[in-house]
Amino acid sequence: MTGNDAKFRLNMILIENQESKKFTAYFTQFPEIIVDGLTQAETEINLIKTLGYYLDYKTKQMSSDMPKNHVIRKTIDFNYEEA
């Protein structure tokens, strides 16, 4: 890693239902987030979007519980790049 470079990696589990040919996926780091899709690509996109919604929800939930003084908040963007 150099300078401002940052890497963030999640492990996705993608399961194809042999009967319906649909997919189910989750990240091992976030097993509570489970999504479905008609194709592998759609399922991956659904999982990434749902992770974003989940993290936004958790941020709002934590912010309401935090004291208002002496709190420093920063936003860090992680970009998804297709391998």
C-alpha atoms as a PDB file:
ATOM      1  CA  MET A   1       0.000   0.000   0.000  1.00  0.00           C
ATOM      2  CA  THR A   2       1.322   3.407  -0.898  1.00  0.00           C
ATOM      3  CA  GLY A   3       0.241   6.922  -0.037  1.00  0.00           C
ATOM      4  CA  ASN A   4      -3.543   7.193  -0.013  1.00  0.00           C
ATOM      5  CA  ASP A   5      -4.192   3.699  -1.424  1.00  0.00           C
ATOM      6  CA  ALA A   6      -6.538   1.553   0.645  1.00  0.00           C
ATOM      7  CA  LYS A   7      -7.921  -1.908   0.108  1.00  0.00           C
ATOM      8  CA  PHE A   8     -10.965  -3.463   1.689  1.00  0.00           C
ATOM      9  CA  ARG A   9     -11.907  -7.045   0.904  1.00  0.00           C
ATOM     10  CA  LEU A  10     -15.041  -9.030   1.712  1.00  0.00           C
ATOM     11  CA  ASN A  11     -15.603 -12.735   1.119  1.00  0.00           C
ATOM     12  CA  MET A  12     -18.820 -13.461  -0.764  1.00  0.00           C
ATOM     13  CA  ILE A  13     -20.603 -16.803  -0.705  1.00  0.00           C
ATOM     14  CA  LEU A  14     -22.760 -17.302  -3.823  1.00  0.00           C
ATOM     15  CA  ILE A  15     -25.115 -20.289  -3.974  1.00  0.00           C
ATOM     16  CA  GLU A  16     -26.974 -21.366  -7.116  1.00  0.00           C
ATOM     17  CA  ASN A  17     -30.283 -23.161  -6.577  1.00  0.00           C
ATOM     18  CA  GLN A  18     -30.136 -26.049  -9.038  1.00  0.00           C
ATOM     19  CA  GLU A  19     -33.916 -26.240  -9.412  1.00  0.00           C
ATOM     20  CA  SER A  20     -34.819 -22.576  -9.845  1.00  0.00           C
ATOM     21  CA  LYS A  21     -31.442 -21.466 -11.287  1.00  0.00           C
ATOM     22  CA  LYS A  22     -31.636 -18.414  -8.975  1.00  0.00           C
ATOM     23  CA  PHE A  23     -28.790 -17.270  -6.750  1.00  0.00           C
ATOM     24  CA  THR A  24     -28.468 -16.454  -3.047  1.00  0.00           C
ATOM     25  CA  ALA A  25     -25.457 -14.615  -1.618  1.00  0.00           C
ATOM     26  CA  TYR A  26     -23.975 -13.193   1.556  1.00  0.00           C
ATOM     27  CA  PHE A  27     -20.634 -11.909   2.849  1.00  0.00           C
ATOM     28  CA  THR A  28     -18.978 -14.114   5.466  1.00  0.00           C
ATOM     29  CA  GLN A  29     -18.192 -10.937   7.421  1.00  0.00           C
ATOM     30  CA  PHE A  30     -21.904  -9.946   7.402  1.00  0.00           C
ATOM     31  CA  PRO A  31     -23.893 -13.213   7.519  1.00  0.00           C
ATOM     32  CA  GLU A  32     -27.033 -11.320   8.557  1.00  0.00           C
ATOM     33  CA  ILE A  33     -27.222  -9.766   5.057  1.00  0.00           C
ATOM     34  CA  ILE A  34     -28.658 -12.310   2.608  1.00  0.00           C
ATOM     35  CA  VAL A  35     -29.878 -11.456  -0.893  1.00  0.00           C
ATOM     36  CA  ASP A  36     -31.287 -13.233  -3.934  1.00  0.00           C
ATOM     37  CA  GLY A  37     -31.131 -12.611  -7.664  1.00  0.00           C
ATOM     38  CA  LEU A  38     -31.985 -14.115 -11.010  1.00  0.00           C
ATOM     39  CA  THR A  39     -28.371 -14.060 -12.247  1.00  0.00           C
ATOM     40  CA  GLN A  40     -24.974 -14.127 -10.605  1.00  0.00           C
ATOM     41  CA  ALA A  41     -24.286 -10.522 -11.625  1.00  0.00           C
ATOM     42  CA  GLU A  42     -27.666  -9.290 -10.338  1.00  0.00           C
ATOM     43  CA  THR A  43     -27.121 -11.091  -7.037  1.00  0.00           C
ATOM     44  CA  GLU A  44     -23.662  -9.542  -6.585  1.00  0.00           C
ATOM     45  CA  ILE A  45     -25.066  -6.059  -7.262  1.00  0.00           C
ATOM     46  CA  ASN A  46     -27.958  -6.686  -4.860  1.00  0.00           C
ATOM     47  CA  LEU A  47     -25.504  -7.757  -2.163  1.00  0.00           C
ATOM     48  CA  ILE A  48     -23.284  -4.699  -2.566  1.00  0.00           C
ATOM     49  CA  LYS A  49     -26.282  -2.333  -2.549  1.00  0.00           C
ATOM     50  CA  THR A  50     -27.791  -4.054   0.482  1.00  0.00           C
ATOM     51  CA  LEU A  51     -24.489  -3.794   2.344  1.00  0.00           C
ATOM     52  CA  GLY A  52     -24.558  -0.045   1.691  1.00  0.00           C
ATOM     53  CA  TYR A  53     -28.110   0.225   3.056  1.00  0.00           C
ATOM     54  CA  TYR A  54     -27.135  -1.857   6.084  1.00  0.00           C
ATOM     55  CA  LEU A  55     -24.092   0.295   6.867  1.00  0.00           C
ATOM     56  CA  ASP A  56     -26.153   3.507   6.474  1.00  0.00           C
ATOM     57  CA  TYR A  57     -28.749   2.105   8.882  1.00  0.00           C
ATOM     58  CA  LYS A  58     -26.092   1.086  11.432  1.00  0.00           C
ATOM     59  CA  THR A  59     -24.442   4.520  11.170  1.00  0.00           C
ATOM     60  CA  LYS A  60     -27.730   6.304  11.851  1.00  0.00           C
ATOM     61  CA  GLN A  61     -28.498   3.912  14.706  1.00  0.00           C
ATOM     62  CA  MET A  62     -25.088   4.457  16.316  1.00  0.00           C
ATOM     63  CA  SER A  63     -25.187   8.235  15.774  1.00  0.00           C
ATOM     64  CA  SER A  64     -28.404   8.526  17.733  1.00  0.00           C
ATOM     65  CA  ASP A  65     -26.798   6.640  20.651  1.00  0.00           C
ATOM     66  CA  MET A  66     -23.545   8.664  20.721  1.00  0.00           C
ATOM     67  CA  PRO A  67     -22.934  11.691  22.899  1.00  0.00           C
ATOM     68  CA  LYS A  68     -22.972  14.888  20.841  1.00  0.00           C
ATOM     69  CA  ASN A  69     -19.697  16.312  22.234  1.00  0.00           C
ATOM     70  CA  HIS A  70     -16.162  15.198  21.402  1.00  0.00           C
ATOM     71  CA  VAL A  71     -17.184  12.988  18.491  1.00  0.00           C
ATOM     72  CA  ILE A  72     -15.207  13.115  15.258  1.00  0.00           C
ATOM     73  CA  ARG A  73     -17.027  11.719  12.249  1.00  0.00           C
ATOM     74  CA  LYS A  74     -15.344  10.835   8.961  1.00  0.00           C
ATOM     75  CA  THR A  75     -16.668   9.253   5.794  1.00  0.00           C
ATOM     76  CA  ILE A  76     -14.547   6.681   3.997  1.00  0.00           C
ATOM     77  CA  ASP A  77     -15.537   5.565   0.494  1.00  0.00           C
ATOM     78  CA  PHE A  78     -14.757   2.034  -0.682  1.00  0.00           C
ATOM     79  CA  ASN A  79     -15.002   1.334  -4.390  1.00  0.00           C
ATOM     80  CA  TYR A  80     -16.059  -1.985  -5.869  1.00  0.00           C
ATOM     81  CA  GLU A  81     -13.938  -3.046  -8.813  1.00  0.00           C
ATOM     82  CA  GLU A  82     -14.715  -6.091 -10.921  1.00  0.00           C
ATOM     83  CA  ALA A  83     -11.817  -8.554 -10.931  1.00  0.00           C
END
